[in-house]
């Protein structure tokens, strides 16, 4: 900024905010920070509605209360909707100041998705406002801004390509290749447990090694690239799917290292058992498909949001199992009436019968023979149906909400993908 005083005043809907030039330059809101690069009043008026040179005051004819909440986001990093203000109106204010829907808290993000889905807008208004904002930026500004953020944009593009399969055409192609490698790896894992596998492997040992090495190499390269482009490396390492990736990849390299050291896996005793268990962890690579399929994403999100209901369900089952197993052991074995049922010799043994009865599985391997035990069995089955049905309603509604939310998000990515293909 080559004019005005050192103190800049932002007047938003009648509310005045005073900042220094240094603060304006590094301001988190894009529209405000761009004021620092303005060299003339004409450029300033492209970003604000009016300008007072004497007081160095910038006027914005925008919603004052919405800007208060946006300023709270600048200070605390948490952005929520203004009570009593339409979600779409607040969203318009966010886009005007340079914020996106991703800056909202998860609860407000869901409200926005629901609202936009109800009226069929999705991201249309966001695109319109972005176009108008880009048009207001002069060509002289656009070149240095691109140069400054080129590396960050490239990293963000790479991150979306590997983490969000619906974000672009390249991401979809990469996801398809990853799914193919997962399927091939699972086929190899399943085939390795067949009785004739050892014979076939001896006949085609080189082919099997090449296929396994290619699959492991792909998963290793994918994991390394995703780690390098991740915004938060510690958060990346804490994600369950990434931990599963590392656990599934590690046994291959451990096996190769032991083979080079002259220690075959079959003769390692306990270490060999542990290694085979870790190798079997490759089956969890199927969880990688959660990045590519909406159904698995919905299931994971539902379980994450309904963990209280799941814990409540487990408490119900455990309490009922403790009561019924104690009574079953008493009626079938503990009373010593001449018809002792040895399948109920202990409460833990009776607990197995209780759990398969409450879930209405009923394998038939264990069953009561006394009249009291059969009456108790009927009560156990009926109470199991009731107890299991109680939390299901909450879980079902959460599943529907999660599916709707992810479907809206997927549709938004699909529109951006269509725009990319048209360009």
Protein backbone atom coordinates (compact mmCIF):
# COMPACT_ATOMS: atom_id res chain seq x y z
CA UNK A 1 0.00 0.00 0.00
CA UNK A 2 1.61 3.19 -1.17
CA UNK A 3 -0.83 5.72 0.31
CA UNK A 4 -2.75 6.54 3.48
CA UNK A 5 -1.71 6.40 7.11
CA UNK A 6 0.01 3.57 8.93
CA UNK A 7 -3.24 2.66 10.72
CA UNK A 8 -5.94 1.17 8.50
CA UNK A 9 -9.60 1.17 9.55
CA UNK A 10 -12.06 -1.41 8.25
CA UNK A 11 -15.67 -0.26 8.42
CA UNK A 12 -17.90 -3.31 7.96
CA UNK A 13 -21.60 -2.51 8.15
CA UNK A 14 -20.93 0.41 10.52
CA UNK A 15 -18.55 -1.46 12.84
CA UNK A 16 -14.98 -0.13 12.75
CA UNK A 17 -11.80 -2.23 13.17
CA UNK A 18 -8.33 -0.65 13.32
CA UNK A 19 -5.21 -2.52 12.18
CA UNK A 20 -1.64 -1.68 11.26
CA UNK A 21 -0.33 -2.14 7.73
CA UNK A 22 1.69 -5.17 8.82
CA UNK A 23 -1.42 -6.86 10.17
CA UNK A 24 -3.34 -6.07 6.97
CA UNK A 25 -0.52 -7.60 4.90
CA UNK A 26 -0.66 -10.93 6.74
CA UNK A 27 -4.42 -10.94 7.41
CA UNK A 28 -6.00 -14.43 7.12
CA UNK A 29 -8.93 -13.07 5.06
CA UNK A 30 -7.86 -12.91 1.41
CA UNK A 31 -9.90 -9.83 0.49
CA UNK A 32 -8.41 -7.83 3.37
CA UNK A 33 -4.82 -8.95 2.78
CA UNK A 34 -5.05 -7.93 -0.88
CA UNK A 35 -5.57 -4.33 0.22
CA UNK A 36 -1.89 -4.14 1.13
CA UNK A 37 -0.84 -4.71 -2.49
CA UNK A 38 -3.05 -1.93 -3.85
CA UNK A 39 -1.11 1.02 -5.25
CA UNK A 40 -4.01 3.29 -6.26
CA UNK A 41 -7.45 4.15 -5.00
CA UNK A 42 -8.94 2.53 -8.08
CA UNK A 43 -7.47 -0.82 -7.06
CA UNK A 44 -8.75 -0.30 -3.52
CA UNK A 45 -12.29 0.35 -4.75
CA UNK A 46 -12.21 -2.94 -6.61
CA UNK A 47 -11.96 -4.68 -3.22
CA UNK A 48 -14.16 -2.47 -1.03
CA UNK A 49 -17.23 -0.30 -1.52
CA UNK A 50 -15.71 3.07 -0.56
CA UNK A 51 -12.49 4.59 0.72
CA UNK A 52 -11.77 7.69 2.84
CA UNK A 53 -8.22 8.89 2.19
CA UNK A 54 -8.17 11.37 5.10
CA UNK A 55 -8.98 8.73 7.72
CA UNK A 56 -7.52 5.83 5.72
CA UNK A 57 -10.83 4.01 6.22
CA UNK A 58 -12.11 1.19 4.01
CA UNK A 59 -15.88 0.74 3.82
CA UNK A 60 -17.50 -2.66 3.23
CA UNK A 61 -21.27 -2.79 2.84
CA UNK A 62 -21.55 -6.26 4.34
CA UNK A 63 -23.30 -8.00 7.25
CA UNK A 64 -21.71 -6.65 10.44
CA UNK A 65 -22.75 -9.50 12.73
CA UNK A 66 -21.48 -12.11 10.28
CA UNK A 67 -18.11 -10.35 10.16
CA UNK A 68 -17.96 -10.49 13.96
CA UNK A 69 -18.12 -14.29 13.79
CA UNK A 70 -15.58 -14.30 10.97
CA UNK A 71 -13.25 -12.24 13.15
CA UNK A 72 -13.73 -14.79 15.93
CA UNK A 73 -12.50 -17.38 13.45
CA UNK A 74 -9.44 -15.22 12.72
CA UNK A 75 -8.63 -15.09 16.43
CA UNK A 76 -9.58 -18.60 17.60
CA UNK A 77 -9.57 -20.73 14.44
CA UNK A 78 -13.20 -21.88 14.90
CA UNK A 79 -15.89 -20.78 12.45
CA UNK A 80 -19.56 -21.30 13.22
CA UNK A 81 -22.84 -19.95 11.89
CA UNK A 82 -24.42 -16.81 13.30
CA UNK A 83 -27.56 -17.72 15.28
CA UNK A 84 -30.68 -16.54 13.46
CA UNK A 85 -28.88 -15.92 10.15
CA UNK A 86 -29.58 -18.06 7.09
CA UNK A 87 -26.79 -20.54 6.42
CA UNK A 88 -26.60 -19.54 2.76
CA UNK A 89 -26.37 -15.83 3.63
CA UNK A 90 -23.51 -16.50 6.01
CA UNK A 91 -21.88 -18.74 3.42
CA UNK A 92 -22.05 -15.87 0.93
CA UNK A 93 -20.30 -13.64 3.46
CA UNK A 94 -17.62 -16.29 3.94
CA UNK A 95 -16.95 -16.50 0.22
CA UNK A 96 -16.82 -12.72 -0.07
CA UNK A 97 -14.06 -12.50 2.53
CA UNK A 98 -12.14 -15.42 1.01
CA UNK A 99 -13.21 -18.34 3.22
CA UNK A 100 -14.56 -21.68 2.05
CA UNK A 101 -16.94 -24.26 3.45
CA UNK A 102 -13.96 -26.34 4.62
CA UNK A 103 -13.21 -23.67 7.24
CA UNK A 104 -16.52 -24.37 9.01
CA UNK A 105 -16.73 -26.72 11.98
CA UNK A 106 -18.05 -30.17 11.14
CA UNK A 107 -21.50 -29.55 12.65
CA UNK A 108 -21.97 -26.33 10.66
CA UNK A 109 -20.55 -28.01 7.56
CA UNK A 110 -23.31 -30.61 7.81
CA UNK A 111 -25.97 -27.91 8.20
CA UNK A 112 -24.65 -26.14 5.13
CA UNK A 113 -24.60 -29.34 3.06
CA UNK A 114 -28.18 -30.14 4.08
CA UNK A 115 -29.36 -26.63 3.29
CA UNK A 116 -27.66 -26.47 -0.10
CA UNK A 117 -28.90 -29.93 -1.00
CA UNK A 118 -32.49 -29.00 -0.11
CA UNK A 119 -32.56 -26.11 -2.58
CA UNK A 120 -30.30 -27.74 -5.16
CA UNK A 121 -27.53 -25.12 -5.05
CA UNK A 122 -24.57 -27.19 -3.86
CA UNK A 123 -21.48 -25.22 -4.97
CA UNK A 124 -22.96 -22.99 -7.69
CA UNK A 125 -22.95 -19.83 -5.61
CA UNK A 126 -19.39 -20.58 -4.52
CA UNK A 127 -18.23 -20.74 -8.11
CA UNK A 128 -20.04 -17.56 -9.07
CA UNK A 129 -18.49 -15.60 -6.22
CA UNK A 130 -15.05 -16.97 -6.94
CA UNK A 131 -15.35 -15.90 -10.57
CA UNK A 132 -16.33 -12.39 -9.58
CA UNK A 133 -13.48 -12.23 -7.09
CA UNK A 134 -10.99 -13.39 -9.69
CA UNK A 135 -12.29 -10.86 -12.22
CA UNK A 136 -11.79 -8.07 -9.71
CA UNK A 137 -8.12 -9.00 -9.37
CA UNK A 138 -5.86 -7.19 -11.79
CA UNK A 139 -3.50 -9.15 -14.07
CA UNK A 140 -0.49 -7.54 -12.40
CA UNK A 141 -1.54 -9.05 -9.06
CA UNK A 142 -2.34 -12.49 -10.38
CA UNK A 143 1.14 -13.31 -11.63
CA UNK A 144 3.10 -12.80 -8.36
CA UNK A 145 0.31 -14.40 -6.34
CA UNK A 146 0.56 -17.54 -8.48
CA UNK A 147 4.32 -17.53 -8.18
CA UNK A 148 4.21 -17.24 -4.42
CA UNK A 149 1.70 -20.01 -3.93
CA UNK A 150 2.73 -22.30 -6.79
CA UNK A 151 4.43 -24.91 -4.59
CA UNK A 152 1.62 -24.84 -2.03
CA UNK A 153 -0.96 -25.28 -4.77
CA UNK A 154 0.99 -28.18 -6.24
CA UNK A 155 1.17 -29.88 -2.85
CA UNK A 156 -2.55 -29.34 -2.32
CA UNK A 157 -3.29 -30.77 -5.76
CA UNK A 158 -1.15 -33.82 -5.02
CA UNK A 159 -2.78 -34.27 -1.62
CA UNK A 160 -6.27 -34.19 -3.13
CA UNK A 161 -5.20 -36.56 -5.90
CA UNK A 162 -4.09 -39.21 -3.39
CA UNK A 163 -6.58 -38.56 -0.58
CA UNK A 164 -9.79 -37.62 -2.44
CA UNK A 165 -10.44 -39.96 -5.40
CA UNK A 166 -13.39 -37.90 -6.67
CA UNK A 167 -11.53 -34.58 -6.77
CA UNK A 168 -10.17 -34.89 -10.31
CA UNK A 169 -9.80 -37.19 -13.30
CA UNK A 170 -6.22 -38.02 -12.33
CA UNK A 171 -7.37 -38.92 -8.83
CA UNK A 172 -9.97 -41.30 -10.23
CA UNK A 173 -7.39 -43.00 -12.45
CA UNK A 174 -5.01 -43.32 -9.52
CA UNK A 175 -7.79 -44.74 -7.35
CA UNK A 176 -8.69 -47.28 -10.03
CA UNK A 177 -5.08 -48.48 -10.23
CA UNK A 178 -4.92 -48.71 -6.44
CA UNK A 179 -8.11 -50.79 -6.35
CA UNK A 180 -6.68 -53.16 -8.97
CA UNK A 181 -3.54 -53.67 -6.89
CA UNK A 182 -5.64 -54.28 -3.75
CA UNK A 183 -7.72 -56.92 -5.57
CA UNK A 184 -4.61 -58.63 -6.97
CA UNK A 185 -2.99 -58.64 -3.55
CA UNK A 186 -6.11 -60.13 -1.94
CA UNK A 187 -6.30 -62.84 -4.61
CA UNK A 188 -2.67 -63.74 -3.96
CA UNK A 189 -3.29 -63.81 -0.20
CA UNK A 190 -6.33 -66.06 -0.52
CA UNK A 191 -4.61 -68.36 -3.00
CA UNK A 192 -1.62 -68.74 -0.68
CA UNK A 193 -3.83 -70.63 1.80
CA UNK A 194 -4.90 -73.29 -0.75
CA UNK A 195 -3.40 -76.79 -0.34
CA UNK A 196 -1.95 -76.80 -3.87
CA UNK A 197 -0.41 -73.35 -3.52
CA UNK A 198 3.02 -74.54 -2.36
CA UNK A 199 3.37 -76.81 -5.40
CA UNK A 200 2.27 -74.09 -7.80
CA UNK A 201 4.54 -71.57 -6.11
CA UNK A 202 7.57 -73.84 -6.53
CA UNK A 203 6.81 -74.21 -10.23
CA UNK A 204 6.34 -70.47 -10.83
CA UNK A 205 8.36 -68.96 -8.01
CA UNK A 206 9.73 -66.03 -10.03
CA UNK A 207 6.27 -64.96 -11.29
CA UNK A 208 4.84 -64.97 -7.77
CA UNK A 209 7.76 -62.96 -6.43
CA UNK A 210 7.41 -60.38 -9.19
CA UNK A 211 3.67 -59.94 -8.64
CA UNK A 212 4.13 -59.63 -4.89
CA UNK A 213 7.02 -57.19 -5.26
CA UNK A 214 5.06 -54.99 -7.68
CA UNK A 215 2.05 -54.85 -5.36
CA UNK A 216 4.16 -54.04 -2.31
CA UNK A 217 6.14 -51.48 -4.30
CA UNK A 218 2.97 -49.70 -5.37
CA UNK A 219 1.57 -49.59 -1.83
CA UNK A 220 4.91 -48.40 -0.45
CA UNK A 221 5.25 -45.61 -3.03
CA UNK A 222 1.65 -44.54 -2.47
CA UNK A 223 2.12 -44.43 1.30
CA UNK A 224 5.36 -42.43 1.04
CA UNK A 225 3.90 -39.88 -1.37
CA UNK A 226 0.79 -39.41 0.77
CA UNK A 227 3.03 -38.85 3.79
CA UNK A 228 5.19 -36.30 1.98
CA UNK A 229 2.24 -34.21 0.76
CA UNK A 230 0.25 -34.43 4.02
CA UNK A 231 -0.40 -31.13 5.75
CA UNK A 232 0.07 -32.54 9.24
CA UNK A 233 2.58 -35.41 9.34
CA UNK A 234 1.70 -36.38 12.92
CA UNK A 235 -2.01 -36.48 12.13
CA UNK A 236 -1.21 -38.63 9.09
CA UNK A 237 0.62 -41.17 11.26
CA UNK A 238 -2.27 -41.31 13.73
CA UNK A 239 -4.95 -42.24 11.18
CA UNK A 240 -6.07 -45.88 11.49
CA UNK A 241 -5.99 -46.55 7.73
CA UNK A 242 -2.42 -45.31 7.48
CA UNK A 243 -1.38 -47.47 10.45
CA UNK A 244 -2.94 -50.47 8.70
CA UNK A 245 -0.98 -49.62 5.54
CA UNK A 246 2.30 -49.61 7.44
CA UNK A 247 1.49 -52.85 9.30
CA UNK A 248 0.54 -54.55 6.04
CA UNK A 249 3.67 -53.43 4.20
CA UNK A 250 6.25 -54.03 6.93
CA UNK A 251 6.16 -57.90 7.03
CA UNK A 252 7.28 -58.13 3.39
CA UNK A 253 10.44 -56.13 4.04
CA UNK A 254 11.07 -58.00 7.31
CA UNK A 255 10.78 -61.30 5.44
CA UNK A 256 13.17 -60.11 2.73
CA UNK A 257 15.68 -58.96 5.35
CA UNK A 258 15.50 -62.30 7.19
CA UNK A 259 15.86 -64.22 3.93
CA UNK A 260 19.00 -62.26 3.08
CA UNK A 261 20.31 -63.00 6.58
CA UNK A 262 19.76 -66.72 6.01
CA UNK A 263 16.82 -67.06 8.42
CA UNK A 264 13.77 -68.59 6.63
CA UNK A 265 10.43 -67.63 8.15
CA UNK A 266 9.23 -71.19 8.61
CA UNK A 267 11.88 -72.04 11.19
CA UNK A 268 11.74 -69.03 13.44
CA UNK A 269 9.45 -70.47 16.10
CA UNK A 270 7.52 -67.73 17.88
CA UNK A 271 9.05 -65.08 15.59
CA UNK A 272 7.83 -67.02 12.56
CA UNK A 273 4.31 -67.21 13.97
CA UNK A 274 4.31 -63.46 14.62
CA UNK A 275 5.58 -62.83 11.10
CA UNK A 276 2.85 -64.97 9.57
CA UNK A 277 0.25 -63.16 11.65
CA UNK A 278 1.56 -59.82 10.45
CA UNK A 279 1.57 -61.07 6.88
CA UNK A 280 -2.07 -62.02 7.27
CA UNK A 281 -2.70 -58.38 8.21
CA UNK A 282 -2.66 -57.71 4.48
CA UNK A 283 -6.32 -58.60 4.50
CA UNK A 284 -6.92 -55.20 6.06
CA UNK A 285 -5.84 -53.66 2.78
CA UNK A 286 -9.48 -54.08 1.89
CA UNK A 287 -10.04 -51.12 4.22
CA UNK A 288 -8.18 -49.02 1.63
CA UNK A 289 -11.29 -49.37 -0.50
CA UNK A 290 -13.00 -47.04 1.98
CA UNK A 291 -11.23 -44.17 0.20
CA UNK A 292 -12.92 -45.11 -3.06
CA UNK A 293 -16.41 -46.36 -2.16
CA UNK A 294 -19.17 -44.28 -0.62
CA UNK A 295 -20.72 -47.24 1.22
CA UNK A 296 -17.59 -48.03 3.24
CA UNK A 297 -17.06 -44.35 3.99
CA UNK A 298 -20.63 -44.13 5.27
CA UNK A 299 -20.12 -47.17 7.47
CA UNK A 300 -16.91 -45.77 8.98
CA UNK A 301 -18.42 -42.34 9.59
CA UNK A 302 -21.52 -43.90 11.16
CA UNK A 303 -19.47 -46.02 13.55
CA UNK A 304 -17.40 -42.98 14.50
CA UNK A 305 -20.45 -40.87 15.29
CA UNK A 306 -22.44 -43.64 16.98
CA UNK A 307 -19.75 -44.97 19.28
CA UNK A 308 -21.88 -44.02 22.32
CA UNK A 309 -24.80 -46.06 20.99
CA UNK A 310 -22.45 -48.94 20.21
CA UNK A 311 -21.03 -48.82 23.74
CA UNK A 312 -24.57 -48.72 25.12
CA UNK A 313 -25.47 -51.78 23.03
CA UNK A 314 -22.43 -53.66 24.33
CA UNK A 315 -23.33 -52.74 27.91
CA UNK A 316 -26.87 -54.05 27.41
CA UNK A 317 -25.57 -57.32 26.00
CA UNK A 318 -22.91 -57.78 28.69
CA UNK A 319 -25.32 -57.13 31.56
CA UNK A 320 -27.91 -59.51 30.13
CA UNK A 321 -25.22 -62.11 29.39
CA UNK A 322 -23.94 -61.98 32.99
CA UNK A 323 -27.43 -62.43 34.43
CA UNK A 324 -28.62 -65.18 32.09
CA UNK A 325 -25.37 -67.15 32.15
CA UNK A 326 -25.41 -67.24 35.95
CA UNK A 327 -29.05 -68.40 36.01
CA UNK A 328 -28.44 -70.95 33.23
CA UNK A 329 -25.47 -72.45 35.07
CA UNK A 330 -27.56 -72.71 38.22
CA UNK A 331 -30.59 -74.32 36.56
CA UNK A 332 -28.68 -76.70 34.30
CA UNK A 333 -25.78 -77.73 36.52
CA UNK A 334 -25.63 -76.03 39.89
CA UNK A 335 -28.80 -77.39 41.55
CA UNK A 336 -27.60 -81.05 41.30
CA UNK A 337 -31.08 -82.47 40.57
CA UNK A 338 -29.79 -85.59 38.85
CA UNK A 339 -29.91 -84.13 35.33
CA UNK A 340 -26.69 -82.14 35.22
CA UNK A 341 -25.88 -80.61 31.87
CA UNK A 342 -22.09 -80.55 31.58
CA UNK A 343 -22.24 -77.96 28.81
CA UNK A 344 -23.19 -75.48 31.56
CA UNK A 345 -20.53 -76.54 34.04
CA UNK A 346 -19.34 -72.94 34.48
CA UNK A 347 -20.68 -69.44 33.97
CA UNK A 348 -18.22 -68.68 31.11
CA UNK A 349 -19.40 -71.84 29.34
CA UNK A 350 -23.02 -70.77 29.81
CA UNK A 351 -22.16 -67.28 28.51
CA UNK A 352 -21.49 -68.78 25.08
CA UNK A 353 -25.02 -70.19 24.98
CA UNK A 354 -26.44 -66.83 26.12
CA UNK A 355 -24.72 -64.79 23.41
CA UNK A 356 -25.76 -67.09 20.54
CA UNK A 357 -29.31 -67.18 21.94
CA UNK A 358 -29.64 -63.39 22.39
CA UNK A 359 -28.43 -62.81 18.83
CA UNK A 360 -30.86 -65.57 17.63
CA UNK A 361 -28.01 -67.50 15.99
CA UNK A 362 -28.56 -70.79 17.83
CA UNK A 363 -25.89 -73.16 16.55
CA UNK A 364 -27.41 -76.04 18.50
CA UNK A 365 -24.10 -77.19 19.96
CA UNK A 366 -25.28 -76.12 23.44
CA UNK A 367 -28.90 -76.22 24.61
CA UNK A 368 -30.79 -76.55 27.92
CA UNK A 369 -32.44 -79.83 28.90
CA UNK A 370 -34.31 -78.90 32.08
CA UNK A 371 -37.70 -77.22 32.10
CA UNK A 372 -36.37 -74.20 33.98
CA UNK A 373 -33.48 -73.90 31.55
CA UNK A 374 -35.81 -73.95 28.55
CA UNK A 375 -38.05 -71.28 30.05
CA UNK A 376 -34.95 -69.21 30.73
CA UNK A 377 -33.84 -69.79 27.13
CA UNK A 378 -37.13 -68.40 25.80
CA UNK A 379 -36.79 -65.30 27.98
CA UNK A 380 -33.19 -64.92 26.84
CA UNK A 381 -34.15 -64.96 23.14
CA UNK A 382 -37.02 -62.47 23.56
CA UNK A 383 -35.00 -60.07 25.71
CA UNK A 384 -32.11 -60.30 23.25
CA UNK A 385 -34.35 -59.17 20.38
CA UNK A 386 -35.62 -56.22 22.44
CA UNK A 387 -32.19 -55.15 23.71
CA UNK A 388 -30.60 -55.31 20.27
CA UNK A 389 -33.45 -53.34 18.70
CA UNK A 390 -33.33 -50.41 21.14
CA UNK A 391 -30.15 -48.62 19.86
CA UNK A 392 -30.70 -49.63 16.22
CA UNK A 393 -33.00 -46.65 15.56
CA UNK A 394 -30.32 -44.14 16.54
CA UNK A 395 -27.69 -45.94 14.47
CA UNK A 396 -30.02 -46.12 11.47
CA UNK A 397 -30.79 -42.40 11.50
CA UNK A 398 -27.11 -41.59 11.85
CA UNK A 399 -26.34 -43.87 8.90
CA UNK A 400 -28.90 -42.07 6.72
CA UNK A 401 -27.49 -38.67 7.70
CA UNK A 402 -23.91 -39.75 7.03
CA UNK A 403 -24.87 -41.21 3.66
CA UNK A 404 -26.69 -38.03 2.68
CA UNK A 405 -23.76 -35.87 3.77
CA UNK A 406 -21.17 -37.91 1.87
CA UNK A 407 -23.42 -38.09 -1.19
CA UNK A 408 -23.66 -34.28 -1.31
CA UNK A 409 -19.90 -34.01 -0.96
CA UNK A 410 -19.36 -36.58 -3.70
CA UNK A 411 -21.74 -34.69 -6.00
CA UNK A 412 -19.76 -31.52 -5.38
CA UNK A 413 -16.54 -33.25 -6.40
CA UNK A 414 -18.28 -34.72 -9.45
CA UNK A 415 -19.27 -31.25 -10.66
CA UNK A 416 -15.72 -29.96 -10.22
CA UNK A 417 -14.49 -33.01 -12.14
CA UNK A 418 -16.93 -32.28 -14.98
CA UNK A 419 -15.71 -28.70 -15.13
CA UNK A 420 -12.11 -29.91 -15.29
CA UNK A 421 -12.89 -32.27 -18.16
CA UNK A 422 -14.69 -29.53 -20.07
CA UNK A 423 -11.70 -27.25 -19.72
